[in-house]
Amino acid sequence: MDDRLDNGVRRRMDNLGDGWAAQHRETMRDAYMQDIDCIFGASFFGANTGERLFEEYVPDNRKNIGQSIRRFAVVAMFDRKKTEAAAFSEIGSVVLSRAFYLWQCRILSQIQPRPVRFFYVIGENEPPWIMKELSTETAEVIGDTITLGRTDWNAIWKAIGLQEERRILREWLEKETA
């Protein structure tokens, strides 16, 4: 079995995971993403919230490939929710997790030249999904609502500035590790 998709991205070997993340994997190239919430959910909120919080990141240059000590920059954090009501709930644990994620974005933003952006991705395991960006300083919705289906996400990432953020962060990392 080929371990790469048609776009060259490594195939998820267990065929499991979130539908939005799978579509990101199939559609995007050179947009690395990691699910980061399983440990947070178990540690902070007493639940396995795995495969619902993702960070899109940029690794340092290829000369460090295979090394455990590397530099990274984070482009954006995405929190997956089934409904808008769930995303914007004022229930204590939801507010706590939102505050924690926005705090992480602010902390990471201090060590890189561009701020980490935060998005709620709302929908079931199949498209369409809607994305709403939150200010990491105020937690208010900013920008336009974005609808994602099985289309060219690169065009959408370009339109909302994530491709440019990734380019700027990659250039910065290359200078830092030269």
N, C-alpha and C. Protein backbone atom coordinates (compact mmCIF):
# COMPACT_ATOMS: atom_id res chain seq x y z
N MET A 1 0.84 -1.20 0.00
CA MET A 1 0.00 0.00 0.00
C MET A 1 0.88 1.25 0.00
N ASP A 2 0.55 2.20 -0.86
CA ASP A 2 1.28 3.45 -0.94
C ASP A 2 1.02 4.25 0.33
N ASP A 3 2.08 4.74 0.97
CA ASP A 3 1.90 5.48 2.21
C ASP A 3 1.72 6.98 1.99
N ARG A 4 1.54 7.40 0.73
CA ARG A 4 1.34 8.82 0.42
C ARG A 4 0.07 9.00 -0.40
N LEU A 5 -0.60 10.13 -0.17
CA LEU A 5 -1.76 10.51 -0.97
C LEU A 5 -1.29 11.06 -2.30
N ASP A 6 -2.21 11.34 -3.21
CA ASP A 6 -1.86 11.88 -4.53
C ASP A 6 -1.09 13.19 -4.44
N ASN A 7 -1.33 13.99 -3.37
CA ASN A 7 -0.65 15.28 -3.22
C ASN A 7 0.71 15.15 -2.54
N GLY A 8 1.13 13.91 -2.23
CA GLY A 8 2.44 13.68 -1.62
C GLY A 8 2.43 13.66 -0.10
N VAL A 9 1.29 13.97 0.51
CA VAL A 9 1.19 13.99 1.97
C VAL A 9 1.05 12.56 2.48
N ARG A 10 1.70 12.28 3.60
CA ARG A 10 1.65 10.95 4.18
C ARG A 10 0.21 10.58 4.54
N ARG A 11 -0.20 9.39 4.16
CA ARG A 11 -1.52 8.85 4.45
C ARG A 11 -1.61 8.49 5.94
N ARG A 12 -2.75 8.73 6.54
CA ARG A 12 -2.97 8.29 7.92
C ARG A 12 -3.17 6.78 7.87
N MET A 13 -2.33 6.06 8.57
CA MET A 13 -2.28 4.62 8.42
C MET A 13 -3.47 3.88 9.03
N ASP A 14 -4.13 4.46 10.03
CA ASP A 14 -5.24 3.75 10.67
C ASP A 14 -6.60 4.07 10.07
N ASN A 15 -6.63 4.99 9.08
CA ASN A 15 -7.87 5.41 8.43
C ASN A 15 -8.92 5.94 9.41
N LEU A 16 -8.48 6.42 10.55
CA LEU A 16 -9.38 7.00 11.53
C LEU A 16 -9.18 8.51 11.56
N GLY A 17 -9.73 9.14 12.57
CA GLY A 17 -9.50 10.56 12.75
C GLY A 17 -10.67 11.42 12.32
N ASP A 18 -10.50 12.69 12.54
CA ASP A 18 -11.52 13.68 12.26
C ASP A 18 -11.64 13.92 10.76
N GLY A 19 -12.87 14.08 10.26
CA GLY A 19 -13.11 14.30 8.84
C GLY A 19 -12.48 15.58 8.33
N TRP A 20 -12.54 16.65 9.12
CA TRP A 20 -11.92 17.92 8.72
C TRP A 20 -10.41 17.76 8.59
N ALA A 21 -9.82 17.08 9.56
CA ALA A 21 -8.36 16.86 9.52
C ALA A 21 -7.98 15.99 8.33
N ALA A 22 -8.80 15.00 8.03
CA ALA A 22 -8.53 14.15 6.87
C ALA A 22 -8.59 14.97 5.58
N GLN A 23 -9.57 15.87 5.50
CA GLN A 23 -9.68 16.71 4.30
C GLN A 23 -8.50 17.68 4.21
N HIS A 24 -8.04 18.20 5.36
CA HIS A 24 -6.84 19.05 5.38
C HIS A 24 -5.66 18.27 4.82
N ARG A 25 -5.52 17.04 5.26
CA ARG A 25 -4.42 16.18 4.81
C ARG A 25 -4.50 15.94 3.31
N GLU A 26 -5.71 15.70 2.79
CA GLU A 26 -5.89 15.40 1.38
C GLU A 26 -5.74 16.63 0.49
N THR A 27 -6.09 17.79 1.01
CA THR A 27 -6.16 19.00 0.20
C THR A 27 -4.91 19.85 0.28
N MET A 28 -4.32 19.95 1.45
CA MET A 28 -3.20 20.86 1.66
C MET A 28 -1.87 20.16 1.42
N ARG A 29 -0.89 20.92 0.98
CA ARG A 29 0.48 20.42 0.84
C ARG A 29 1.39 21.42 1.51
N ASP A 30 2.40 20.95 2.20
CA ASP A 30 3.34 21.79 2.94
C ASP A 30 2.65 22.60 4.02
N ALA A 31 1.52 22.11 4.50
CA ALA A 31 0.83 22.72 5.64
C ALA A 31 0.75 21.65 6.71
N TYR A 32 1.79 21.56 7.51
CA TYR A 32 1.88 20.51 8.51
C TYR A 32 0.86 20.77 9.62
N MET A 33 0.24 19.70 10.10
CA MET A 33 -0.74 19.86 11.16
C MET A 33 -0.60 18.70 12.14
N GLN A 34 -0.82 19.02 13.40
CA GLN A 34 -0.72 18.03 14.47
C GLN A 34 -1.95 18.16 15.36
N ASP A 35 -2.55 17.00 15.72
CA ASP A 35 -3.60 17.07 16.73
C ASP A 35 -2.89 17.13 18.09
N ILE A 36 -3.32 18.08 18.92
CA ILE A 36 -2.56 18.35 20.14
C ILE A 36 -3.39 18.22 21.40
N ASP A 37 -4.64 17.83 21.30
CA ASP A 37 -5.50 17.97 22.46
C ASP A 37 -5.71 16.74 23.31
N CYS A 38 -5.33 15.59 22.88
CA CYS A 38 -5.58 14.40 23.68
C CYS A 38 -4.99 14.55 25.08
N ILE A 39 -3.74 14.97 25.16
CA ILE A 39 -3.11 15.12 26.47
C ILE A 39 -3.74 16.27 27.25
N PHE A 40 -4.11 17.36 26.56
CA PHE A 40 -4.76 18.48 27.25
C PHE A 40 -6.10 18.05 27.82
N GLY A 41 -6.88 17.36 27.00
CA GLY A 41 -8.20 16.94 27.43
C GLY A 41 -8.14 16.05 28.64
N ALA A 42 -7.26 15.07 28.61
CA ALA A 42 -7.15 14.14 29.73
C ALA A 42 -6.59 14.83 30.96
N SER A 43 -5.61 15.69 30.76
CA SER A 43 -4.95 16.33 31.90
C SER A 43 -5.77 17.45 32.53
N PHE A 44 -6.36 18.29 31.70
CA PHE A 44 -7.02 19.49 32.21
C PHE A 44 -8.53 19.35 32.38
N PHE A 45 -9.16 18.56 31.51
CA PHE A 45 -10.62 18.56 31.49
C PHE A 45 -11.23 17.21 31.81
N GLY A 46 -10.39 16.22 32.12
CA GLY A 46 -10.89 14.91 32.54
C GLY A 46 -11.61 14.14 31.45
N ALA A 47 -11.31 14.43 30.19
CA ALA A 47 -11.94 13.72 29.08
C ALA A 47 -10.95 13.58 27.95
N ASN A 48 -11.12 12.53 27.16
CA ASN A 48 -10.29 12.37 25.97
C ASN A 48 -10.93 13.18 24.86
N THR A 49 -10.37 14.33 24.61
CA THR A 49 -10.88 15.19 23.55
C THR A 49 -10.01 15.07 22.31
N GLY A 50 -9.32 13.96 22.17
CA GLY A 50 -8.38 13.77 21.09
C GLY A 50 -8.96 14.00 19.71
N GLU A 51 -8.11 14.50 18.82
CA GLU A 51 -8.41 14.74 17.43
C GLU A 51 -9.51 15.78 17.24
N ARG A 52 -9.51 16.79 18.10
CA ARG A 52 -10.43 17.90 17.92
C ARG A 52 -9.71 19.25 17.98
N LEU A 53 -8.49 19.27 18.45
CA LEU A 53 -7.71 20.50 18.49
C LEU A 53 -6.45 20.26 17.67
N PHE A 54 -6.21 21.16 16.73
CA PHE A 54 -5.10 20.98 15.80
C PHE A 54 -4.28 22.26 15.72
N GLU A 55 -2.98 22.09 15.48
CA GLU A 55 -2.11 23.22 15.19
C GLU A 55 -1.49 23.00 13.83
N GLU A 56 -1.57 24.03 13.00
CA GLU A 56 -0.86 24.03 11.72
C GLU A 56 0.46 24.73 11.99
N TYR A 57 1.56 24.10 11.61
CA TYR A 57 2.88 24.61 11.97
C TYR A 57 3.84 24.57 10.81
N VAL A 58 4.96 25.24 11.00
CA VAL A 58 6.04 25.28 10.02
C VAL A 58 7.29 24.75 10.71
N PRO A 59 7.94 23.73 10.14
CA PRO A 59 9.21 23.25 10.71
C PRO A 59 10.37 24.07 10.18
N ASP A 60 11.51 23.99 10.89
CA ASP A 60 12.70 24.67 10.39
C ASP A 60 13.19 23.99 9.12
N ASN A 61 14.30 24.45 8.61
CA ASN A 61 14.75 23.99 7.30
C ASN A 61 15.12 22.50 7.29
N ARG A 62 15.22 21.97 6.11
CA ARG A 62 15.41 20.53 5.93
C ARG A 62 16.76 20.02 6.42
N LYS A 63 17.73 20.91 6.71
CA LYS A 63 19.03 20.40 7.15
C LYS A 63 18.92 19.72 8.51
N ASN A 64 17.85 20.01 9.24
CA ASN A 64 17.65 19.40 10.56
C ASN A 64 16.72 18.20 10.52
N ILE A 65 16.35 17.75 9.33
CA ILE A 65 15.40 16.64 9.24
C ILE A 65 15.97 15.42 9.96
N GLY A 66 15.12 14.76 10.70
CA GLY A 66 15.55 13.60 11.47
C GLY A 66 16.08 13.94 12.85
N GLN A 67 16.19 15.21 13.16
CA GLN A 67 16.70 15.63 14.46
C GLN A 67 15.54 15.81 15.44
N SER A 68 15.77 15.52 16.70
CA SER A 68 14.74 15.71 17.71
C SER A 68 14.69 17.13 18.23
N ILE A 69 15.80 17.85 18.11
CA ILE A 69 15.83 19.24 18.55
C ILE A 69 15.74 20.11 17.31
N ARG A 70 14.59 20.73 17.14
CA ARG A 70 14.34 21.57 15.98
C ARG A 70 13.58 22.80 16.41
N ARG A 71 13.43 23.74 15.50
CA ARG A 71 12.63 24.94 15.74
C ARG A 71 11.37 24.88 14.90
N PHE A 72 10.30 25.44 15.45
CA PHE A 72 9.02 25.45 14.76
C PHE A 72 8.35 26.79 14.96
N ALA A 73 7.40 27.08 14.10
CA ALA A 73 6.52 28.23 14.27
C ALA A 73 5.10 27.72 14.06
N VAL A 74 4.17 28.29 14.80
CA VAL A 74 2.77 27.86 14.70
C VAL A 74 2.01 28.91 13.90
N VAL A 75 1.31 28.45 12.88
CA VAL A 75 0.52 29.33 12.02
C VAL A 75 -0.84 29.59 12.65
N ALA A 76 -1.52 28.51 13.03
CA ALA A 76 -2.88 28.65 13.56
C ALA A 76 -3.25 27.44 14.39
N MET A 77 -4.20 27.66 15.28
CA MET A 77 -4.80 26.60 16.08
C MET A 77 -6.26 26.50 15.65
N PHE A 78 -6.74 25.25 15.52
CA PHE A 78 -8.11 25.00 15.09
C PHE A 78 -8.79 24.11 16.12
N ASP A 79 -9.90 24.57 16.67
CA ASP A 79 -10.68 23.78 17.62
C ASP A 79 -11.95 23.33 16.92
N ARG A 80 -12.12 22.01 16.82
CA ARG A 80 -13.27 21.42 16.12
C ARG A 80 -14.44 21.25 17.07
N LYS A 81 -15.59 21.76 16.67
CA LYS A 81 -16.83 21.61 17.43
C LYS A 81 -17.92 21.15 16.48
N LYS A 82 -18.88 20.39 16.98
CA LYS A 82 -19.97 19.90 16.13
C LYS A 82 -20.98 21.00 15.82
N THR A 83 -21.19 21.91 16.75
CA THR A 83 -22.19 22.96 16.54
C THR A 83 -21.63 24.31 16.98
N GLU A 84 -22.23 25.36 16.46
CA GLU A 84 -21.84 26.70 16.88
C GLU A 84 -22.18 26.91 18.35
N ALA A 85 -23.29 26.33 18.80
CA ALA A 85 -23.67 26.44 20.22
C ALA A 85 -22.59 25.82 21.11
N ALA A 86 -22.04 24.69 20.68
CA ALA A 86 -20.97 24.06 21.46
C ALA A 86 -19.71 24.92 21.46
N ALA A 87 -19.40 25.52 20.33
CA ALA A 87 -18.19 26.35 20.23
C ALA A 87 -18.28 27.57 21.14
N PHE A 88 -19.42 28.20 21.16
CA PHE A 88 -19.55 29.46 21.89
C PHE A 88 -20.31 29.32 23.20
N SER A 89 -20.37 28.10 23.70
CA SER A 89 -21.04 27.84 24.97
C SER A 89 -20.36 28.61 26.10
N GLU A 90 -21.14 28.99 27.07
CA GLU A 90 -20.60 29.65 28.26
C GLU A 90 -20.48 28.69 29.44
N ILE A 91 -20.60 27.39 29.18
CA ILE A 91 -20.38 26.38 30.22
C ILE A 91 -18.93 26.49 30.67
N GLY A 92 -18.72 26.36 31.95
CA GLY A 92 -17.40 26.58 32.54
C GLY A 92 -16.26 25.86 31.87
N SER A 93 -16.42 24.56 31.57
CA SER A 93 -15.31 23.81 30.97
C SER A 93 -15.02 24.28 29.54
N VAL A 94 -16.04 24.72 28.82
CA VAL A 94 -15.83 25.22 27.46
C VAL A 94 -15.11 26.56 27.51
N VAL A 95 -15.53 27.43 28.41
CA VAL A 95 -14.88 28.73 28.57
C VAL A 95 -13.43 28.52 29.01
N LEU A 96 -13.21 27.57 29.92
CA LEU A 96 -11.86 27.29 30.40
C LEU A 96 -10.97 26.81 29.27
N SER A 97 -11.46 25.86 28.46
CA SER A 97 -10.62 25.36 27.37
C SER A 97 -10.36 26.46 26.34
N ARG A 98 -11.39 27.27 26.03
CA ARG A 98 -11.19 28.39 25.08
C ARG A 98 -10.12 29.34 25.62
N ALA A 99 -10.21 29.69 26.89
CA ALA A 99 -9.23 30.59 27.50
C ALA A 99 -7.83 30.00 27.44
N PHE A 100 -7.72 28.70 27.71
CA PHE A 100 -6.43 28.03 27.68
C PHE A 100 -5.84 28.03 26.27
N TYR A 101 -6.65 27.75 25.26
CA TYR A 101 -6.17 27.73 23.88
C TYR A 101 -5.75 29.12 23.41
N LEU A 102 -6.54 30.13 23.75
CA LEU A 102 -6.18 31.50 23.37
C LEU A 102 -4.91 31.95 24.08
N TRP A 103 -4.74 31.53 25.33
CA TRP A 103 -3.51 31.83 26.08
C TRP A 103 -2.31 31.19 25.38
N GLN A 104 -2.47 29.94 24.96
CA GLN A 104 -1.37 29.27 24.24
C GLN A 104 -1.01 30.05 22.98
N CYS A 105 -2.01 30.49 22.26
CA CYS A 105 -1.74 31.28 21.04
C CYS A 105 -0.94 32.54 21.39
N ARG A 106 -1.33 33.21 22.47
CA ARG A 106 -0.62 34.44 22.85
C ARG A 106 0.82 34.13 23.28
N ILE A 107 1.03 33.08 24.03
CA ILE A 107 2.38 32.71 24.48
C ILE A 107 3.26 32.35 23.28
N LEU A 108 2.76 31.50 22.40
CA LEU A 108 3.53 31.12 21.21
C LEU A 108 3.82 32.32 20.33
N SER A 109 2.89 33.26 20.26
CA SER A 109 3.09 34.46 19.44
C SER A 109 4.25 35.31 19.92
N GLN A 110 4.61 35.18 21.19
CA GLN A 110 5.71 35.97 21.74
C GLN A 110 7.08 35.52 21.25
N ILE A 111 7.18 34.30 20.73
CA ILE A 111 8.49 33.77 20.33
C ILE A 111 8.63 33.64 18.82
N GLN A 112 7.71 34.22 18.09
CA GLN A 112 7.81 34.20 16.63
C GLN A 112 7.33 35.54 16.10
N PRO A 113 7.69 35.86 14.85
CA PRO A 113 7.41 37.20 14.34
C PRO A 113 5.96 37.46 13.95
N ARG A 114 5.15 36.43 13.83
CA ARG A 114 3.75 36.58 13.45
C ARG A 114 2.89 35.92 14.52
N PRO A 115 1.73 36.51 14.81
CA PRO A 115 0.87 35.92 15.84
C PRO A 115 0.21 34.62 15.37
N VAL A 116 -0.01 33.72 16.32
CA VAL A 116 -0.74 32.50 16.04
C VAL A 116 -2.22 32.87 15.95
N ARG A 117 -2.88 32.37 14.94
CA ARG A 117 -4.31 32.65 14.76
C ARG A 117 -5.13 31.49 15.30
N PHE A 118 -6.35 31.78 15.75
CA PHE A 118 -7.21 30.76 16.35
C PHE A 118 -8.55 30.72 15.60
N PHE A 119 -8.97 29.50 15.24
CA PHE A 119 -10.23 29.31 14.54
C PHE A 119 -11.05 28.22 15.20
N TYR A 120 -12.36 28.44 15.28
CA TYR A 120 -13.28 27.34 15.53
C TYR A 120 -13.64 26.77 14.17
N VAL A 121 -13.65 25.45 14.07
CA VAL A 121 -14.11 24.75 12.88
C VAL A 121 -15.36 23.99 13.31
N ILE A 122 -16.49 24.34 12.71
CA ILE A 122 -17.78 23.86 13.19
C ILE A 122 -18.44 22.98 12.14
N GLY A 123 -18.87 21.80 12.58
CA GLY A 123 -19.57 20.88 11.70
C GLY A 123 -19.34 19.44 12.11
N GLU A 124 -20.03 18.56 11.43
CA GLU A 124 -19.91 17.12 11.70
C GLU A 124 -18.65 16.57 11.05
N ASN A 125 -18.59 15.26 10.88
CA ASN A 125 -17.39 14.63 10.35
C ASN A 125 -17.26 14.74 8.84
N GLU A 126 -18.29 15.22 8.18
CA GLU A 126 -18.27 15.42 6.73
C GLU A 126 -18.56 16.90 6.44
N PRO A 127 -18.09 17.41 5.28
CA PRO A 127 -18.37 18.81 4.96
C PRO A 127 -19.86 19.02 4.72
N PRO A 128 -20.28 20.26 4.80
CA PRO A 128 -19.48 21.47 4.91
C PRO A 128 -19.10 21.76 6.38
N TRP A 129 -18.00 22.49 6.53
CA TRP A 129 -17.56 23.00 7.81
C TRP A 129 -17.50 24.51 7.71
N ILE A 130 -17.77 25.17 8.81
CA ILE A 130 -17.56 26.62 8.82
C ILE A 130 -16.43 26.93 9.79
N MET A 131 -15.68 27.95 9.44
CA MET A 131 -14.57 28.39 10.28
C MET A 131 -14.85 29.82 10.71
N LYS A 132 -14.64 30.06 12.00
CA LYS A 132 -14.76 31.41 12.54
C LYS A 132 -13.48 31.70 13.30
N GLU A 133 -12.86 32.82 12.97
CA GLU A 133 -11.63 33.21 13.64
C GLU A 133 -11.97 34.03 14.89
N LEU A 134 -11.23 33.76 15.96
CA LEU A 134 -11.37 34.53 17.19
C LEU A 134 -10.11 35.34 17.43
N SER A 135 -10.28 36.55 17.92
CA SER A 135 -9.14 37.33 18.36
C SER A 135 -8.53 36.63 19.57
N THR A 136 -7.24 36.46 19.57
CA THR A 136 -6.59 35.82 20.71
C THR A 136 -6.47 36.78 21.89
N GLU A 137 -6.74 38.05 21.65
CA GLU A 137 -6.68 39.06 22.73
C GLU A 137 -8.04 39.29 23.39
N THR A 138 -9.12 39.17 22.61
CA THR A 138 -10.45 39.50 23.15
C THR A 138 -11.44 38.34 23.13
N ALA A 139 -11.14 37.28 22.41
CA ALA A 139 -12.02 36.12 22.21
C ALA A 139 -13.25 36.46 21.37
N GLU A 140 -13.25 37.62 20.73
CA GLU A 140 -14.36 38.01 19.86
C GLU A 140 -14.14 37.45 18.46
N VAL A 141 -15.23 37.14 17.76
CA VAL A 141 -15.15 36.69 16.38
C VAL A 141 -14.66 37.85 15.52
N ILE A 142 -13.68 37.56 14.67
CA ILE A 142 -13.15 38.57 13.75
C ILE A 142 -13.19 38.02 12.34
N GLY A 143 -13.27 38.88 11.36
CA GLY A 143 -13.26 38.45 9.96
C GLY A 143 -14.55 37.79 9.54
N ASP A 144 -14.53 37.28 8.33
CA ASP A 144 -15.69 36.65 7.73
C ASP A 144 -15.78 35.18 8.13
N THR A 145 -16.97 34.65 8.11
CA THR A 145 -17.17 33.22 8.28
C THR A 145 -16.76 32.53 6.99
N ILE A 146 -16.00 31.46 7.10
CA ILE A 146 -15.48 30.73 5.96
C ILE A 146 -16.19 29.39 5.88
N THR A 147 -16.65 29.00 4.70
CA THR A 147 -17.26 27.69 4.52
C THR A 147 -16.31 26.81 3.73
N LEU A 148 -16.08 25.61 4.26
CA LEU A 148 -15.18 24.65 3.62
C LEU A 148 -15.95 23.42 3.20
N GLY A 149 -15.69 22.98 2.01
CA GLY A 149 -16.21 21.72 1.52
C GLY A 149 -15.05 20.90 1.01
N ARG A 150 -15.29 20.15 -0.02
CA ARG A 150 -14.21 19.36 -0.64
C ARG A 150 -13.68 20.13 -1.84
N THR A 151 -13.21 21.33 -1.57
CA THR A 151 -12.70 22.20 -2.62
C THR A 151 -11.22 22.42 -2.41
N ASP A 152 -10.65 23.29 -3.18
CA ASP A 152 -9.23 23.61 -3.07
C ASP A 152 -9.01 24.50 -1.85
N TRP A 153 -8.63 23.91 -0.75
CA TRP A 153 -8.41 24.67 0.48
C TRP A 153 -7.25 25.63 0.34
N ASN A 154 -6.30 25.33 -0.55
CA ASN A 154 -5.18 26.25 -0.73
C ASN A 154 -5.67 27.64 -1.12
N ALA A 155 -6.70 27.71 -1.96
CA ALA A 155 -7.26 29.01 -2.36
C ALA A 155 -7.89 29.71 -1.16
N ILE A 156 -8.54 28.95 -0.32
CA ILE A 156 -9.17 29.55 0.88
C ILE A 156 -8.09 30.00 1.85
N TRP A 157 -7.08 29.16 2.07
CA TRP A 157 -5.97 29.54 2.97
C TRP A 157 -5.28 30.79 2.45
N LYS A 158 -5.15 30.90 1.13
CA LYS A 158 -4.56 32.09 0.53
C LYS A 158 -5.44 33.31 0.80
N ALA A 159 -6.74 33.15 0.59
CA ALA A 159 -7.67 34.27 0.76
C ALA A 159 -7.71 34.78 2.20
N ILE A 160 -7.58 33.90 3.16
CA ILE A 160 -7.64 34.35 4.57
C ILE A 160 -6.26 34.63 5.16
N GLY A 161 -5.22 34.48 4.34
CA GLY A 161 -3.88 34.88 4.76
C GLY A 161 -3.04 33.82 5.42
N LEU A 162 -3.53 32.59 5.51
CA LEU A 162 -2.73 31.55 6.19
C LEU A 162 -1.54 31.10 5.35
N GLN A 163 -1.66 31.09 4.04
CA GLN A 163 -0.51 30.74 3.20
C GLN A 163 0.60 31.78 3.37
N GLU A 164 0.22 33.05 3.39
CA GLU A 164 1.23 34.11 3.57
C GLU A 164 1.87 34.02 4.94
N GLU A 165 1.08 33.74 5.97
CA GLU A 165 1.64 33.57 7.32
C GLU A 165 2.65 32.43 7.32
N ARG A 166 2.29 31.32 6.68
CA ARG A 166 3.19 30.18 6.62
C ARG A 166 4.48 30.55 5.89
N ARG A 167 4.38 31.30 4.80
CA ARG A 167 5.57 31.72 4.04
C ARG A 167 6.48 32.60 4.89
N ILE A 168 5.91 33.57 5.57
CA ILE A 168 6.69 34.49 6.42
C ILE A 168 7.38 33.72 7.54
N LEU A 169 6.65 32.81 8.16
CA LEU A 169 7.23 32.03 9.26
C LEU A 169 8.33 31.10 8.75
N ARG A 170 8.15 30.51 7.59
CA ARG A 170 9.19 29.64 7.01
C ARG A 170 10.46 30.43 6.72
N GLU A 171 10.31 31.63 6.14
CA GLU A 171 11.48 32.47 5.86
C GLU A 171 12.19 32.85 7.16
N TRP A 172 11.43 33.19 8.19
CA TRP A 172 12.02 33.54 9.47
C TRP A 172 12.80 32.35 10.05
N LEU A 173 12.21 31.17 10.00
CA LEU A 173 12.90 29.98 10.52
C LEU A 173 14.17 29.69 9.71
N GLU A 174 14.12 29.86 8.42
CA GLU A 174 15.30 29.60 7.61
C GLU A 174 16.43 30.56 7.95
N LYS A 175 16.11 31.83 8.22
CA LYS A 175 17.12 32.80 8.66
C LYS A 175 17.67 32.43 10.03
N GLU A 176 16.78 32.00 10.91
CA GLU A 176 17.18 31.67 12.28
C GLU A 176 18.06 30.42 12.35
N THR A 177 17.88 29.51 11.41
CA THR A 177 18.64 28.26 11.46
C THR A 177 19.74 28.20 10.40
N ALA A 178 19.99 29.31 9.72
CA ALA A 178 21.03 29.34 8.68
C ALA A 178 22.41 29.22 9.28
